[in-house]
């Protein structure tokens, strides 16, 4: 017999973690009040605490995103210039071929 898994929204998880961090009730009290297993609450709390330093490091995240965008832009620009070069070579070859054929006739 299969049981359906419960899916919780990130907002609900955040609210429960905030309740845990206020420490007004025990973990077990919060778990029974909201119908969530205590182990799951511990996991959410640990995940939130682990991710917390990243929330305060916006400058580093911005710099990393900017670097990724710059790298992507430079790669695309390089690819486009390579394509322009290839098309120029093909166009020159076609011009020579057409002129050679035209002079042959």
PDB file of N, CA and C in Angstrom:
ATOM      1  N   UNK A   1       0.836  -1.162   0.000  1.00  0.00           N
ATOM      2  CA  UNK A   1       0.000   0.000   0.000  1.00  0.00           C
ATOM      3  C   UNK A   1       0.897   1.246   0.000  1.00  0.00           C
ATOM      4  N   UNK A   2       0.653   2.130  -0.930  1.00  0.00           N
ATOM      5  CA  UNK A   2       1.498   3.320  -1.038  1.00  0.00           C
ATOM      6  C   UNK A   2       0.845   4.507  -0.331  1.00  0.00           C
ATOM      7  N   UNK A   3       1.694   5.322   0.216  1.00  0.00           N
ATOM      8  CA  UNK A   3       1.212   6.550   0.844  1.00  0.00           C
ATOM      9  C   UNK A   3       1.695   7.727   0.003  1.00  0.00           C
ATOM     10  N   UNK A   4       0.896   8.744  -0.081  1.00  0.00           N
ATOM     11  CA  UNK A   4       1.289   9.910  -0.856  1.00  0.00           C
ATOM     12  C   UNK A   4       2.235  10.771  -0.026  1.00  0.00           C
ATOM     13  N   UNK A   5       3.224  11.306  -0.706  1.00  0.00           N
ATOM     14  CA  UNK A   5       4.193  12.161  -0.026  1.00  0.00           C
ATOM     15  C   UNK A   5       3.609  13.561   0.135  1.00  0.00           C
ATOM     16  N   UNK A   6       3.904  14.147   1.251  1.00  0.00           N
ATOM     17  CA  UNK A   6       3.453  15.515   1.483  1.00  0.00           C
ATOM     18  C   UNK A   6       4.459  16.471   0.850  1.00  0.00           C
ATOM     19  N   UNK A   7       3.943  17.502   0.236  1.00  0.00           N
ATOM     20  CA  UNK A   7       4.789  18.537  -0.357  1.00  0.00           C
ATOM     21  C   UNK A   7       4.491  19.853   0.354  1.00  0.00           C
ATOM     22  N   UNK A   8       5.550  20.472   0.844  1.00  0.00           N
ATOM     23  CA  UNK A   8       5.401  21.715   1.575  1.00  0.00           C
ATOM     24  C   UNK A   8       6.001  22.859   0.751  1.00  0.00           C
ATOM     25  N   UNK A   9       5.369  24.006   0.829  1.00  0.00           N
ATOM     26  CA  UNK A   9       5.868  25.167   0.101  1.00  0.00           C
ATOM     27  C   UNK A   9       7.088  25.730   0.820  1.00  0.00           C
ATOM     28  N   UNK A  10       7.956  26.409   0.081  1.00  0.00           N
ATOM     29  CA  UNK A  10       9.111  27.040   0.729  1.00  0.00           C
ATOM     30  C   UNK A  10       8.698  28.059   1.798  1.00  0.00           C
ATOM     31  N   UNK A  11       7.580  28.732   1.582  1.00  0.00           N
ATOM     32  CA  UNK A  11       7.099  29.706   2.567  1.00  0.00           C
ATOM     33  C   UNK A  11       6.732  29.014   3.872  1.00  0.00           C
ATOM     34  N   UNK A  12       6.047  27.883   3.772  1.00  0.00           N
ATOM     35  CA  UNK A  12       5.655  27.118   4.964  1.00  0.00           C
ATOM     36  C   UNK A  12       6.900  26.644   5.705  1.00  0.00           C
ATOM     37  N   UNK A  13       7.879  26.145   4.962  1.00  0.00           N
ATOM     38  CA  UNK A  13       9.119  25.673   5.578  1.00  0.00           C
ATOM     39  C   UNK A  13       9.816  26.817   6.306  1.00  0.00           C
ATOM     40  N   UNK A  14       9.873  27.985   5.663  1.00  0.00           N
ATOM     41  CA  UNK A  14      10.539  29.133   6.265  1.00  0.00           C
ATOM     42  C   UNK A  14       9.832  29.566   7.546  1.00  0.00           C
ATOM     43  N   UNK A  15       8.502  29.539   7.544  1.00  0.00           N
ATOM     44  CA  UNK A  15       7.748  29.914   8.736  1.00  0.00           C
ATOM     45  C   UNK A  15       8.045  28.970   9.901  1.00  0.00           C
ATOM     46  N   UNK A  16       8.102  27.675   9.597  1.00  0.00           N
ATOM     47  CA  UNK A  16       8.384  26.719  10.662  1.00  0.00           C
ATOM     48  C   UNK A  16       9.812  26.871  11.175  1.00  0.00           C
ATOM     49  N   UNK A  17      10.753  27.118  10.289  1.00  0.00           N
ATOM     50  CA  UNK A  17      12.144  27.316  10.728  1.00  0.00           C
ATOM     51  C   UNK A  17      12.233  28.569  11.598  1.00  0.00           C
ATOM     52  N   UNK A  18      11.510  29.616  11.230  1.00  0.00           N
ATOM     53  CA  UNK A  18      11.502  30.826  12.066  1.00  0.00           C
ATOM     54  C   UNK A  18      10.944  30.521  13.452  1.00  0.00           C
ATOM     55  N   UNK A  19       9.882  29.739  13.492  1.00  0.00           N
ATOM     56  CA  UNK A  19       9.328  29.342  14.796  1.00  0.00           C
ATOM     57  C   UNK A  19      10.363  28.587  15.609  1.00  0.00           C
ATOM     58  N   UNK A  20      11.092  27.693  14.950  1.00  0.00           N
ATOM     59  CA  UNK A  20      12.127  26.931  15.652  1.00  0.00           C
ATOM     60  C   UNK A  20      13.215  27.849  16.192  1.00  0.00           C
ATOM     61  N   UNK A  21      13.608  28.821  15.403  1.00  0.00           N
ATOM     62  CA  UNK A  21      14.689  29.702  15.817  1.00  0.00           C
ATOM     63  C   UNK A  21      14.268  30.666  16.921  1.00  0.00           C
ATOM     64  N   UNK A  22      12.976  30.958  17.044  1.00  0.00           N
ATOM     65  CA  UNK A  22      12.494  31.805  18.144  1.00  0.00           C
ATOM     66  C   UNK A  22      12.586  31.068  19.476  1.00  0.00           C
ATOM     67  N   UNK A  23      12.561  29.756  19.438  1.00  0.00           N
ATOM     68  CA  UNK A  23      12.683  28.894  20.614  1.00  0.00           C
ATOM     69  C   UNK A  23      11.628  29.170  21.684  1.00  0.00           C
ATOM     70  N   UNK A  24      10.419  29.528  21.246  1.00  0.00           N
ATOM     71  CA  UNK A  24       9.328  29.712  22.202  1.00  0.00           C
ATOM     72  C   UNK A  24       8.659  28.373  22.509  1.00  0.00           C
ATOM     73  N   UNK A  25       8.750  27.434  21.558  1.00  0.00           N
ATOM     74  CA  UNK A  25       8.221  26.086  21.751  1.00  0.00           C
ATOM     75  C   UNK A  25       9.318  25.092  21.378  1.00  0.00           C
ATOM     76  N   UNK A  26       9.160  23.874  21.875  1.00  0.00           N
ATOM     77  CA  UNK A  26      10.150  22.853  21.533  1.00  0.00           C
ATOM     78  C   UNK A  26       9.915  22.369  20.112  1.00  0.00           C
ATOM     79  N   UNK A  27      10.921  21.722  19.592  1.00  0.00           N
ATOM     80  CA  UNK A  27      10.834  21.173  18.246  1.00  0.00           C
ATOM     81  C   UNK A  27       9.659  20.205  18.132  1.00  0.00           C
ATOM     82  N   UNK A  28       9.497  19.358  19.116  1.00  0.00           N
ATOM     83  CA  UNK A  28       8.402  18.382  19.080  1.00  0.00           C
ATOM     84  C   UNK A  28       7.035  19.052  19.151  1.00  0.00           C
ATOM     85  N   UNK A  29       6.922  20.115  19.896  1.00  0.00           N
ATOM     86  CA  UNK A  29       5.646  20.827  19.974  1.00  0.00           C
ATOM     87  C   UNK A  29       5.286  21.443  18.619  1.00  0.00           C
ATOM     88  N   UNK A  30       6.262  22.061  17.982  1.00  0.00           N
ATOM     89  CA  UNK A  30       6.020  22.659  16.669  1.00  0.00           C
ATOM     90  C   UNK A  30       5.684  21.586  15.644  1.00  0.00           C
ATOM     91  N   UNK A  31       6.393  20.469  15.726  1.00  0.00           N
ATOM     92  CA  UNK A  31       6.151  19.383  14.784  1.00  0.00           C
ATOM     93  C   UNK A  31       4.738  18.837  14.925  1.00  0.00           C
ATOM     94  N   UNK A  32       4.299  18.589  16.142  1.00  0.00           N
ATOM     95  CA  UNK A  32       2.951  18.038  16.324  1.00  0.00           C
ATOM     96  C   UNK A  32       1.880  19.082  15.989  1.00  0.00           C
ATOM     97  N   UNK A  33       2.150  20.344  16.261  1.00  0.00           N
ATOM     98  CA  UNK A  33       1.196  21.408  15.969  1.00  0.00           C
ATOM     99  C   UNK A  33       0.932  21.518  14.461  1.00  0.00           C
ATOM    100  N   UNK A  34       1.974  21.320  13.649  1.00  0.00           N
ATOM    101  CA  UNK A  34       1.847  21.490  12.198  1.00  0.00           C
ATOM    102  C   UNK A  34       1.784  20.167  11.427  1.00  0.00           C
ATOM    103  N   UNK A  35       1.899  19.051  12.140  1.00  0.00           N
ATOM    104  CA  UNK A  35       1.791  17.746  11.491  1.00  0.00           C
ATOM    105  C   UNK A  35       2.996  17.394  10.638  1.00  0.00           C
ATOM    106  N   UNK A  36       4.176  17.820  11.068  1.00  0.00           N
ATOM    107  CA  UNK A  36       5.422  17.533  10.354  1.00  0.00           C
ATOM    108  C   UNK A  36       6.311  16.724  11.284  1.00  0.00           C
ATOM    109  N   UNK A  37       7.039  15.778  10.718  1.00  0.00           N
ATOM    110  CA  UNK A  37       7.910  14.936  11.537  1.00  0.00           C
ATOM    111  C   UNK A  37       9.075  15.770  12.072  1.00  0.00           C
ATOM    112  N   UNK A  38       9.453  15.546  13.324  1.00  0.00           N
ATOM    113  CA  UNK A  38      10.548  16.321  13.921  1.00  0.00           C
ATOM    114  C   UNK A  38      11.872  16.223  13.148  1.00  0.00           C
ATOM    115  N   UNK A  39      12.141  15.056  12.600  1.00  0.00           N
ATOM    116  CA  UNK A  39      13.375  14.896  11.825  1.00  0.00           C
ATOM    117  C   UNK A  39      13.368  15.814  10.602  1.00  0.00           C
ATOM    118  N   UNK A  40      12.201  15.936   9.981  1.00  0.00           N
ATOM    119  CA  UNK A  40      12.079  16.815   8.819  1.00  0.00           C
ATOM    120  C   UNK A  40      12.316  18.264   9.227  1.00  0.00           C
ATOM    121  N   UNK A  41      11.794  18.655  10.373  1.00  0.00           N
ATOM    122  CA  UNK A  41      12.019  20.014  10.872  1.00  0.00           C
ATOM    123  C   UNK A  41      13.502  20.275  11.123  1.00  0.00           C
ATOM    124  N   UNK A  42      14.190  19.280  11.698  1.00  0.00           N
ATOM    125  CA  UNK A  42      15.630  19.429  11.923  1.00  0.00           C
ATOM    126  C   UNK A  42      16.361  19.628  10.606  1.00  0.00           C
ATOM    127  N   UNK A  43      15.975  18.860   9.584  1.00  0.00           N
ATOM    128  CA  UNK A  43      16.618  18.997   8.270  1.00  0.00           C
ATOM    129  C   UNK A  43      16.398  20.389   7.690  1.00  0.00           C
ATOM    130  N   UNK A  44      15.172  20.882   7.791  1.00  0.00           N
ATOM    131  CA  UNK A  44      14.880  22.223   7.272  1.00  0.00           C
ATOM    132  C   UNK A  44      15.670  23.289   8.033  1.00  0.00           C
ATOM    133  N   UNK A  45      15.731  23.124   9.359  1.00  0.00           N
ATOM    134  CA  UNK A  45      16.484  24.084  10.169  1.00  0.00           C
ATOM    135  C   UNK A  45      17.961  24.053   9.798  1.00  0.00           C
ATOM    136  N   UNK A  46      18.525  22.848   9.666  1.00  0.00           N
ATOM    137  CA  UNK A  46      19.939  22.732   9.313  1.00  0.00           C
ATOM    138  C   UNK A  46      20.216  23.306   7.923  1.00  0.00           C
ATOM    139  N   UNK A  47      19.301  23.070   6.985  1.00  0.00           N
ATOM    140  CA  UNK A  47      19.468  23.613   5.630  1.00  0.00           C
ATOM    141  C   UNK A  47      19.418  25.130   5.653  1.00  0.00           C
ATOM    142  N   UNK A  48      18.523  25.688   6.450  1.00  0.00           N
ATOM    143  CA  UNK A  48      18.400  27.150   6.542  1.00  0.00           C
ATOM    144  C   UNK A  48      19.640  27.752   7.175  1.00  0.00           C
ATOM    145  N   UNK A  49      20.140  27.131   8.209  1.00  0.00           N
ATOM    146  CA  UNK A  49      21.332  27.650   8.879  1.00  0.00           C
ATOM    147  C   UNK A  49      22.550  27.534   7.971  1.00  0.00           C
ATOM    148  N   UNK A  50      22.630  26.465   7.213  1.00  0.00           N
ATOM    149  CA  UNK A  50      23.747  26.292   6.279  1.00  0.00           C
ATOM    150  C   UNK A  50      23.698  27.327   5.162  1.00  0.00           C
ATOM    151  N   UNK A  51      22.504  27.647   4.686  1.00  0.00           N
ATOM    152  CA  UNK A  51      22.354  28.598   3.576  1.00  0.00           C
ATOM    153  C   UNK A  51      22.387  30.049   4.036  1.00  0.00           C
ATOM    154  N   UNK A  52      22.317  30.282   5.326  1.00  0.00           N
ATOM    155  CA  UNK A  52      22.224  31.643   5.841  1.00  0.00           C
ATOM    156  C   UNK A  52      23.416  32.532   5.466  1.00  0.00           C
ATOM    157  N   UNK A  53      24.658  32.086   5.538  1.00  0.00           N
ATOM    158  CA  UNK A  53      25.770  32.970   5.173  1.00  0.00           C
ATOM    159  C   UNK A  53      25.679  33.478   3.730  1.00  0.00           C
ATOM    160  N   UNK A  54      25.162  32.674   2.836  1.00  0.00           N
ATOM    161  CA  UNK A  54      25.025  33.093   1.446  1.00  0.00           C
ATOM    162  C   UNK A  54      24.022  34.232   1.302  1.00  0.00           C
ATOM    163  N   UNK A  55      23.042  34.282   2.174  1.00  0.00           N
ATOM    164  CA  UNK A  55      22.042  35.339   2.104  1.00  0.00           C
ATOM    165  C   UNK A  55      22.646  36.699   2.424  1.00  0.00           C
ATOM    166  N   UNK A  56      23.720  36.712   3.197  1.00  0.00           N
ATOM    167  CA  UNK A  56      24.352  37.966   3.576  1.00  0.00           C
ATOM    168  C   UNK A  56      25.530  38.328   2.675  1.00  0.00           C
ATOM    169  N   UNK A  57      25.795  37.499   1.697  1.00  0.00           N
ATOM    170  CA  UNK A  57      26.957  37.714   0.833  1.00  0.00           C
ATOM    171  C   UNK A  57      26.519  38.107  -0.567  1.00  0.00           C
ATOM    172  N   UNK A  58      25.733  39.176  -0.662  1.00  0.00           N
ATOM    173  CA  UNK A  58      25.186  39.592  -1.957  1.00  0.00           C
ATOM    174  C   UNK A  58      26.250  40.103  -2.901  1.00  0.00           C
ATOM    175  N   UNK A  59      27.258  40.788  -2.394  1.00  0.00           N
ATOM    176  CA  UNK A  59      28.295  41.321  -3.270  1.00  0.00           C
ATOM    177  C   UNK A  59      29.020  40.197  -3.989  1.00  0.00           C
ATOM    178  N   UNK A  60      29.314  39.140  -3.276  1.00  0.00           N
ATOM    179  CA  UNK A  60      30.009  38.001  -3.881  1.00  0.00           C
ATOM    180  C   UNK A  60      29.121  37.328  -4.915  1.00  0.00           C
ATOM    181  N   UNK A  61      27.833  37.173  -4.601  1.00  0.00           N
ATOM    182  CA  UNK A  61      26.907  36.567  -5.563  1.00  0.00           C
ATOM    183  C   UNK A  61      26.789  37.441  -6.802  1.00  0.00           C
ATOM    184  N   UNK A  62      26.702  38.748  -6.615  1.00  0.00           N
ATOM    185  CA  UNK A  62      26.606  39.669  -7.741  1.00  0.00           C
ATOM    186  C   UNK A  62      27.859  39.576  -8.603  1.00  0.00           C
ATOM    187  N   UNK A  63      29.024  39.530  -7.967  1.00  0.00           N
ATOM    188  CA  UNK A  63      30.285  39.451  -8.707  1.00  0.00           C
ATOM    189  C   UNK A  63      30.366  38.148  -9.498  1.00  0.00           C
ATOM    190  N   UNK A  64      29.933  37.056  -8.895  1.00  0.00           N
ATOM    191  CA  UNK A  64      29.954  35.768  -9.596  1.00  0.00           C
ATOM    192  C   UNK A  64      28.999  35.776 -10.785  1.00  0.00           C
ATOM    193  N   UNK A  65      27.805  36.320 -10.605  1.00  0.00           N
ATOM    194  CA  UNK A  65      26.833  36.388 -11.704  1.00  0.00           C
ATOM    195  C   UNK A  65      27.348  37.273 -12.815  1.00  0.00           C
ATOM    196  N   UNK A  66      27.969  38.395 -12.452  1.00  0.00           N
ATOM    197  CA  UNK A  66      28.533  39.305 -13.441  1.00  0.00           C
ATOM    198  C   UNK A  66      29.650  38.626 -14.216  1.00  0.00           C
ATOM    199  N   UNK A  67      30.476  37.871 -13.508  1.00  0.00           N
ATOM    200  CA  UNK A  67      31.572  37.151 -14.163  1.00  0.00           C
ATOM    201  C   UNK A  67      31.028  36.095 -15.131  1.00  0.00           C
ATOM    202  N   UNK A  68      30.003  35.375 -14.714  1.00  0.00           N
ATOM    203  CA  UNK A  68      29.397  34.373 -15.594  1.00  0.00           C
ATOM    204  C   UNK A  68      28.793  35.020 -16.834  1.00  0.00           C
ATOM    205  N   UNK A  69      28.100  36.139 -16.649  1.00  0.00           N
ATOM    206  CA  UNK A  69      27.508  36.836 -17.786  1.00  0.00           C
ATOM    207  C   UNK A  69      28.589  37.374 -18.724  1.00  0.00           C
ATOM    208  N   UNK A  70      29.668  37.909 -18.160  1.00  0.00           N
ATOM    209  CA  UNK A  70      30.756  38.429 -18.970  1.00  0.00           C
ATOM    210  C   UNK A  70      31.420  37.316 -19.759  1.00  0.00           C
ATOM    211  N   UNK A  71      31.669  36.181 -19.110  1.00  0.00           N
ATOM    212  CA  UNK A  71      32.267  35.039 -19.805  1.00  0.00           C
ATOM    213  C   UNK A  71      31.371  34.558 -20.933  1.00  0.00           C
ATOM    214  N   UNK A  72      30.072  34.488 -20.657  1.00  0.00           N
ATOM    215  CA  UNK A  72      29.118  34.059 -21.665  1.00  0.00           C
ATOM    216  C   UNK A  72      29.098  35.030 -22.840  1.00  0.00           C
ATOM    217  N   UNK A  73      29.118  36.318 -22.548  1.00  0.00           N
ATOM    218  CA  UNK A  73      29.116  37.338 -23.591  1.00  0.00           C
ATOM    219  C   UNK A  73      30.380  37.236 -24.449  1.00  0.00           C
ATOM    220  N   UNK A  74      31.530  37.097 -23.802  1.00  0.00           N
ATOM    221  CA  UNK A  74      32.793  37.016 -24.543  1.00  0.00           C
ATOM    222  C   UNK A  74      32.846  35.770 -25.412  1.00  0.00           C
ATOM    223  N   UNK A  75      32.339  34.652 -24.918  1.00  0.00           N
ATOM    224  CA  UNK A  75      32.327  33.417 -25.709  1.00  0.00           C
ATOM    225  C   UNK A  75      31.424  33.580 -26.928  1.00  0.00           C
ATOM    226  N   UNK A  76      30.250  34.159 -26.716  1.00  0.00           N
ATOM    227  CA  UNK A  76      29.315  34.371 -27.821  1.00  0.00           C
ATOM    228  C   UNK A  76      29.920  35.317 -28.852  1.00  0.00           C
ATOM    229  N   UNK A  77      30.583  36.377 -28.389  1.00  0.00           N
ATOM    230  CA  UNK A  77      31.223  37.327 -29.288  1.00  0.00           C
ATOM    231  C   UNK A  77      32.318  36.645 -30.106  1.00  0.00           C
ATOM    232  N   UNK A  78      33.111  35.819 -29.459  1.00  0.00           N
ATOM    233  CA  UNK A  78      34.175  35.077 -30.149  1.00  0.00           C
ATOM    234  C   UNK A  78      33.579  34.145 -31.202  1.00  0.00           C
ATOM    235  N   UNK A  79      32.504  33.444 -30.841  1.00  0.00           N
ATOM    236  CA  UNK A  79      31.838  32.539 -31.790  1.00  0.00           C
ATOM    237  C   UNK A  79      31.278  33.306 -32.984  1.00  0.00           C
ATOM    238  N   UNK A  80      30.697  34.471 -32.725  1.00  0.00           N
ATOM    239  CA  UNK A  80      30.133  35.269 -33.820  1.00  0.00           C
ATOM    240  C   UNK A  80      31.221  35.786 -34.758  1.00  0.00           C
ATOM    241  N   UNK A  81      32.345  36.231 -34.194  1.00  0.00           N
ATOM    242  CA  UNK A  81      33.450  36.665 -35.048  1.00  0.00           C
ATOM    243  C   UNK A  81      34.008  35.504 -35.872  1.00  0.00           C
ATOM    244  N   UNK A  82      34.053  34.324 -35.287  1.00  0.00           N
ATOM    245  CA  UNK A  82      34.509  33.148 -36.032  1.00  0.00           C
ATOM    246  C   UNK A  82      33.548  32.839 -37.174  1.00  0.00           C
ATOM    247  N   UNK A  83      32.263  32.967 -36.914  1.00  0.00           N
ATOM    248  CA  UNK A  83      31.266  32.719 -37.953  1.00  0.00           C
ATOM    249  C   UNK A  83      31.369  33.760 -39.070  1.00  0.00           C
ATOM    250  N   UNK A  84      31.602  35.016 -38.704  1.00  0.00           N
ATOM    251  CA  UNK A  84      31.777  36.065 -39.712  1.00  0.00           C
ATOM    252  C   UNK A  84      32.989  35.756 -40.582  1.00  0.00           C
ATOM    253  N   UNK A  85      34.067  35.336 -39.957  1.00  0.00           N
ATOM    254  CA  UNK A  85      35.268  34.965 -40.714  1.00  0.00           C
ATOM    255  C   UNK A  85      34.997  33.819 -41.669  1.00  0.00           C
ATOM    256  N   UNK A  86      34.306  32.809 -41.194  1.00  0.00           N
ATOM    257  CA  UNK A  86      33.986  31.650 -42.047  1.00  0.00           C
ATOM    258  C   UNK A  86      33.103  32.068 -43.212  1.00  0.00           C
ATOM    259  N   UNK A  87      32.110  32.888 -42.942  1.00  0.00           N
ATOM    260  CA  UNK A  87      31.218  33.345 -44.017  1.00  0.00           C
ATOM    261  C   UNK A  87      31.962  34.223 -45.030  1.00  0.00           C
ATOM    262  N   UNK A  88      32.903  35.027 -44.554  1.00  0.00           N
ATOM    263  CA  UNK A  88      33.711  35.848 -45.462  1.00  0.00           C
ATOM    264  C   UNK A  88      34.547  34.982 -46.381  1.00  0.00           C
ATOM    265  N   UNK A  89      35.146  33.938 -45.833  1.00  0.00           N
ATOM    266  CA  UNK A  89      35.947  33.008 -46.651  1.00  0.00           C
ATOM    267  C   UNK A  89      35.063  32.347 -47.697  1.00  0.00           C
ATOM    268  N   UNK A  90      33.876  31.885 -47.275  1.00  0.00           N
ATOM    269  CA  UNK A  90      32.968  31.232 -48.216  1.00  0.00           C
ATOM    270  C   UNK A  90      32.499  32.201 -49.304  1.00  0.00           C
ATOM    271  N   UNK A  91      32.219  33.442 -48.933  1.00  0.00           N
ATOM    272  CA  UNK A  91      31.782  34.443 -49.902  1.00  0.00           C
ATOM    273  C   UNK A  91      32.880  34.737 -50.918  1.00  0.00           C
ATOM    274  N   UNK A  92      34.109  34.896 -50.445  1.00  0.00           N
ATOM    275  CA  UNK A  92      35.225  35.128 -51.358  1.00  0.00           C
ATOM    276  C   UNK A  92      35.414  33.956 -52.306  1.00  0.00           C
ATOM    277  N   UNK A  93      35.286  32.745 -51.792  1.00  0.00           N
ATOM    278  CA  UNK A  93      35.421  31.554 -52.642  1.00  0.00           C
ATOM    279  C   UNK A  93      34.332  31.536 -53.712  1.00  0.00           C
ATOM    280  N   UNK A  94      33.103  31.856 -53.309  1.00  0.00           N
ATOM    281  CA  UNK A  94      32.001  31.889 -54.274  1.00  0.00           C
ATOM    282  C   UNK A  94      32.216  32.967 -55.334  1.00  0.00           C
ATOM    283  N   UNK A  95      32.702  34.136 -54.925  1.00  0.00           N
ATOM    284  CA  UNK A  95      32.966  35.200 -55.894  1.00  0.00           C
ATOM    285  C   UNK A  95      34.012  34.758 -56.915  1.00  0.00           C
ATOM    286  N   UNK A  96      35.080  34.125 -56.425  1.00  0.00           N
ATOM    287  CA  UNK A  96      36.127  33.645 -57.342  1.00  0.00           C
ATOM    288  C   UNK A  96      35.582  32.571 -58.270  1.00  0.00           C
ATOM    289  N   UNK A  97      34.781  31.671 -57.721  1.00  0.00           N
ATOM    290  CA  UNK A  97      34.223  30.573 -58.515  1.00  0.00           C
ATOM    291  C   UNK A  97      33.281  31.122 -59.589  1.00  0.00           C
ATOM    292  N   UNK A  98      32.420  32.055 -59.211  1.00  0.00           N
ATOM    293  CA  UNK A  98      31.471  32.643 -60.167  1.00  0.00           C
ATOM    294  C   UNK A  98      32.233  33.405 -61.257  1.00  0.00           C
ATOM    295  N   UNK A  99      33.251  34.198 -60.850  1.00  0.00           N
ATOM    296  CA  UNK A  99      34.004  34.941 -61.851  1.00  0.00           C
ATOM    297  C   UNK A  99      34.781  34.001 -62.763  1.00  0.00           C
ATOM    298  N   UNK A 100      35.283  32.900 -62.227  1.00  0.00           N
ATOM    299  CA  UNK A 100      36.003  31.922 -63.029  1.00  0.00           C
ATOM    300  C   UNK A 100      35.059  31.258 -64.027  1.00  0.00           C
ATOM    301  N   UNK A 101      33.879  30.926 -63.572  1.00  0.00           N
ATOM    302  CA  UNK A 101      32.883  30.288 -64.454  1.00  0.00           C
ATOM    303  C   UNK A 101      32.430  31.291 -65.504  1.00  0.00           C
ATOM    304  N   UNK A 102      32.211  32.551 -65.097  1.00  0.00           N
ATOM    305  CA  UNK A 102      31.756  33.590 -66.046  1.00  0.00           C
ATOM    306  C   UNK A 102      32.817  33.853 -67.096  1.00  0.00           C
ATOM    307  N   UNK A 103      34.083  33.850 -66.710  1.00  0.00           N
ATOM    308  CA  UNK A 103      35.148  34.099 -67.694  1.00  0.00           C
ATOM    309  C   UNK A 103      35.372  32.879 -68.587  1.00  0.00           C
ATOM    310  N   UNK A 104      35.008  31.715 -68.102  1.00  0.00           N
ATOM    311  CA  UNK A 104      35.152  30.482 -68.886  1.00  0.00           C
ATOM    312  C   UNK A 104      34.146  30.466 -70.040  1.00  0.00           C
ATOM    313  N   UNK A 105      32.959  30.987 -69.837  1.00  0.00           N
ATOM    314  CA  UNK A 105      31.917  30.975 -70.857  1.00  0.00           C
ATOM    315  C   UNK A 105      32.129  32.098 -71.759  1.00  0.00           C
TER     316      UNK A 105
END
